[in-house]
């Protein structure tokens, strides 16, 4: 069986880590019922992206100019 190959860019890696943390919190809190994993994972991903966008709008990082 061939292993899948995944290559994530740094931003994608960061969002994956954030989404995984959010999803793990849902599981730990008992919110994810059997059969509902995909919808909760999708929600965690959307929330991680929303957090990243909010930070990007709120902070000027090195190399960003007005």
N, C-alpha and C. Protein backbone atom coordinates (compact mmCIF):
# COMPACT_ATOMS: atom_id res chain seq x y z
N UNK A 1 0.85 -1.19 0.00
CA UNK A 1 0.00 0.00 0.00
C UNK A 1 0.89 1.24 0.00
N UNK A 2 0.66 2.11 -0.96
CA UNK A 2 1.47 3.33 -1.08
C UNK A 2 1.03 4.35 -0.04
N UNK A 3 2.01 5.01 0.52
CA UNK A 3 1.73 6.08 1.47
C UNK A 3 1.43 7.36 0.71
N UNK A 4 0.46 8.14 1.19
CA UNK A 4 0.19 9.42 0.52
C UNK A 4 1.34 10.39 0.77
N UNK A 5 1.60 11.24 -0.21
CA UNK A 5 2.63 12.25 -0.08
C UNK A 5 1.96 13.60 0.11
N UNK A 6 2.32 14.28 1.17
CA UNK A 6 1.76 15.60 1.45
C UNK A 6 2.91 16.56 1.68
N UNK A 7 2.85 17.69 1.01
CA UNK A 7 3.84 18.73 1.19
C UNK A 7 3.11 20.04 1.45
N UNK A 8 3.17 20.51 2.68
CA UNK A 8 2.47 21.73 3.06
C UNK A 8 3.44 22.90 3.14
N UNK A 9 2.97 24.04 2.68
CA UNK A 9 3.76 25.27 2.80
C UNK A 9 3.68 25.73 4.26
N UNK A 10 4.60 26.62 4.70
CA UNK A 10 4.63 27.04 6.10
C UNK A 10 3.27 27.57 6.62
N UNK A 11 2.58 28.36 5.82
CA UNK A 11 1.29 28.88 6.26
C UNK A 11 0.29 27.75 6.45
N UNK A 12 0.29 26.78 5.53
CA UNK A 12 -0.60 25.64 5.64
C UNK A 12 -0.26 24.79 6.87
N UNK A 13 1.03 24.66 7.15
CA UNK A 13 1.45 23.91 8.34
C UNK A 13 0.93 24.57 9.61
N UNK A 14 1.03 25.89 9.65
CA UNK A 14 0.56 26.63 10.82
C UNK A 14 -0.94 26.49 10.99
N UNK A 15 -1.68 26.62 9.91
CA UNK A 15 -3.14 26.47 9.98
C UNK A 15 -3.53 25.05 10.36
N UNK A 16 -2.78 24.06 9.87
CA UNK A 16 -3.05 22.66 10.23
C UNK A 16 -2.88 22.46 11.73
N UNK A 17 -1.82 23.02 12.29
CA UNK A 17 -1.58 22.90 13.72
C UNK A 17 -2.68 23.56 14.53
N UNK A 18 -3.09 24.76 14.10
CA UNK A 18 -4.17 25.46 14.81
C UNK A 18 -5.48 24.70 14.71
N UNK A 19 -5.82 24.23 13.51
CA UNK A 19 -7.08 23.50 13.33
C UNK A 19 -7.07 22.20 14.12
N UNK A 20 -5.94 21.53 14.17
CA UNK A 20 -5.84 20.29 14.94
C UNK A 20 -6.05 20.55 16.42
N UNK A 21 -5.51 21.65 16.91
CA UNK A 21 -5.71 22.00 18.32
C UNK A 21 -7.17 22.31 18.64
N UNK A 22 -7.81 23.03 17.74
CA UNK A 22 -9.22 23.36 17.93
C UNK A 22 -10.06 22.08 17.89
N UNK A 23 -9.79 21.22 16.89
CA UNK A 23 -10.52 19.96 16.76
C UNK A 23 -10.31 19.06 17.98
N UNK A 24 -9.07 19.00 18.46
CA UNK A 24 -8.77 18.20 19.66
C UNK A 24 -9.54 18.72 20.86
N UNK A 25 -9.69 20.03 20.96
CA UNK A 25 -10.46 20.61 22.07
C UNK A 25 -11.92 20.19 21.99
N UNK A 26 -12.48 20.17 20.77
CA UNK A 26 -13.86 19.70 20.60
C UNK A 26 -14.00 18.25 21.06
N UNK A 27 -13.04 17.42 20.67
CA UNK A 27 -13.08 16.01 21.06
C UNK A 27 -12.99 15.88 22.58
N UNK A 28 -12.04 16.59 23.17
CA UNK A 28 -11.84 16.53 24.62
C UNK A 28 -13.09 16.99 25.37
N UNK A 29 -13.77 17.99 24.81
CA UNK A 29 -14.98 18.51 25.45
C UNK A 29 -16.20 17.61 25.22
N UNK A 30 -16.02 16.55 24.43
CA UNK A 30 -17.12 15.62 24.19
C UNK A 30 -18.14 16.13 23.17
N UNK A 31 -17.75 17.07 22.35
CA UNK A 31 -18.68 17.66 21.37
C UNK A 31 -18.78 16.84 20.09
N UNK A 32 -17.78 16.02 19.78
CA UNK A 32 -17.73 15.30 18.51
C UNK A 32 -18.31 13.90 18.69
N UNK A 33 -19.52 13.72 18.18
CA UNK A 33 -20.17 12.41 18.26
C UNK A 33 -19.73 11.55 17.08
N UNK A 34 -19.85 10.23 17.23
CA UNK A 34 -19.52 9.33 16.12
C UNK A 34 -20.34 9.71 14.90
N UNK A 35 -19.67 9.77 13.77
CA UNK A 35 -20.33 10.12 12.53
C UNK A 35 -20.35 11.61 12.22
N UNK A 36 -19.97 12.43 13.19
CA UNK A 36 -19.96 13.88 13.00
C UNK A 36 -18.56 14.45 12.91
N UNK A 37 -17.57 13.59 12.77
CA UNK A 37 -16.19 14.03 12.77
C UNK A 37 -15.89 15.04 11.65
N UNK A 38 -16.35 14.77 10.44
CA UNK A 38 -16.05 15.65 9.31
C UNK A 38 -16.59 17.05 9.53
N UNK A 39 -17.82 17.17 10.00
CA UNK A 39 -18.39 18.51 10.18
C UNK A 39 -17.64 19.29 11.27
N UNK A 40 -17.21 18.61 12.34
CA UNK A 40 -16.46 19.28 13.39
C UNK A 40 -15.05 19.63 12.93
N UNK A 41 -14.45 18.76 12.12
CA UNK A 41 -13.13 19.05 11.58
C UNK A 41 -13.21 20.25 10.63
N UNK A 42 -14.22 20.26 9.78
CA UNK A 42 -14.42 21.40 8.88
C UNK A 42 -14.61 22.69 9.66
N UNK A 43 -15.35 22.62 10.75
CA UNK A 43 -15.58 23.81 11.59
C UNK A 43 -14.26 24.28 12.19
N UNK A 44 -13.44 23.35 12.67
CA UNK A 44 -12.15 23.71 13.26
C UNK A 44 -11.25 24.39 12.22
N UNK A 45 -11.28 23.89 10.99
CA UNK A 45 -10.47 24.49 9.92
C UNK A 45 -10.95 25.90 9.62
N UNK A 46 -12.27 26.08 9.51
CA UNK A 46 -12.81 27.43 9.25
C UNK A 46 -12.42 28.39 10.37
N UNK A 47 -12.48 27.92 11.61
CA UNK A 47 -12.13 28.79 12.73
C UNK A 47 -10.65 29.12 12.74
N UNK A 48 -9.80 28.18 12.40
CA UNK A 48 -8.35 28.45 12.33
C UNK A 48 -8.06 29.50 11.26
N UNK A 49 -8.74 29.39 10.12
CA UNK A 49 -8.56 30.38 9.05
C UNK A 49 -9.07 31.75 9.50
N UNK A 50 -10.21 31.77 10.19
CA UNK A 50 -10.76 33.03 10.68
C UNK A 50 -9.79 33.68 11.67
N UNK A 51 -9.19 32.91 12.54
CA UNK A 51 -8.22 33.43 13.49
C UNK A 51 -7.01 34.00 12.73
N UNK A 52 -6.51 33.27 11.74
CA UNK A 52 -5.35 33.74 10.98
C UNK A 52 -5.66 35.04 10.25
N UNK A 53 -6.83 35.13 9.65
CA UNK A 53 -7.20 36.35 8.94
C UNK A 53 -7.32 37.53 9.89
N UNK A 54 -7.89 37.30 11.07
CA UNK A 54 -8.03 38.36 12.07
C UNK A 54 -6.66 38.86 12.51
N UNK A 55 -5.75 37.93 12.73
CA UNK A 55 -4.39 38.31 13.11
C UNK A 55 -3.72 39.08 11.98
N UNK A 56 -3.87 38.61 10.75
CA UNK A 56 -3.25 39.28 9.60
C UNK A 56 -3.76 40.71 9.45
N UNK A 57 -5.03 40.92 9.72
CA UNK A 57 -5.61 42.27 9.62
C UNK A 57 -5.21 43.15 10.80
N UNK A 58 -4.84 42.55 11.91
CA UNK A 58 -4.56 43.30 13.13
C UNK A 58 -3.09 43.61 13.35
N UNK A 59 -2.20 42.88 12.67
CA UNK A 59 -0.77 43.00 12.93
C UNK A 59 -0.03 43.25 11.63
N UNK A 60 0.90 44.20 11.67
CA UNK A 60 1.77 44.43 10.52
C UNK A 60 3.07 43.71 10.81
N UNK A 61 3.37 42.71 9.99
CA UNK A 61 4.58 41.94 10.21
C UNK A 61 5.70 42.43 9.32
N UNK A 62 6.91 41.93 9.56
CA UNK A 62 8.08 42.33 8.78
C UNK A 62 7.81 42.12 7.30
N UNK A 63 8.16 43.10 6.50
CA UNK A 63 8.00 43.00 5.07
C UNK A 63 6.68 43.50 4.55
N UNK A 64 5.74 43.80 5.42
CA UNK A 64 4.46 44.37 4.99
C UNK A 64 4.54 45.90 5.06
N UNK A 65 4.10 46.52 4.01
CA UNK A 65 4.15 47.98 3.96
C UNK A 65 2.76 48.52 3.65
N UNK A 66 2.52 49.73 4.13
CA UNK A 66 1.21 50.38 3.88
C UNK A 66 1.08 50.78 2.44
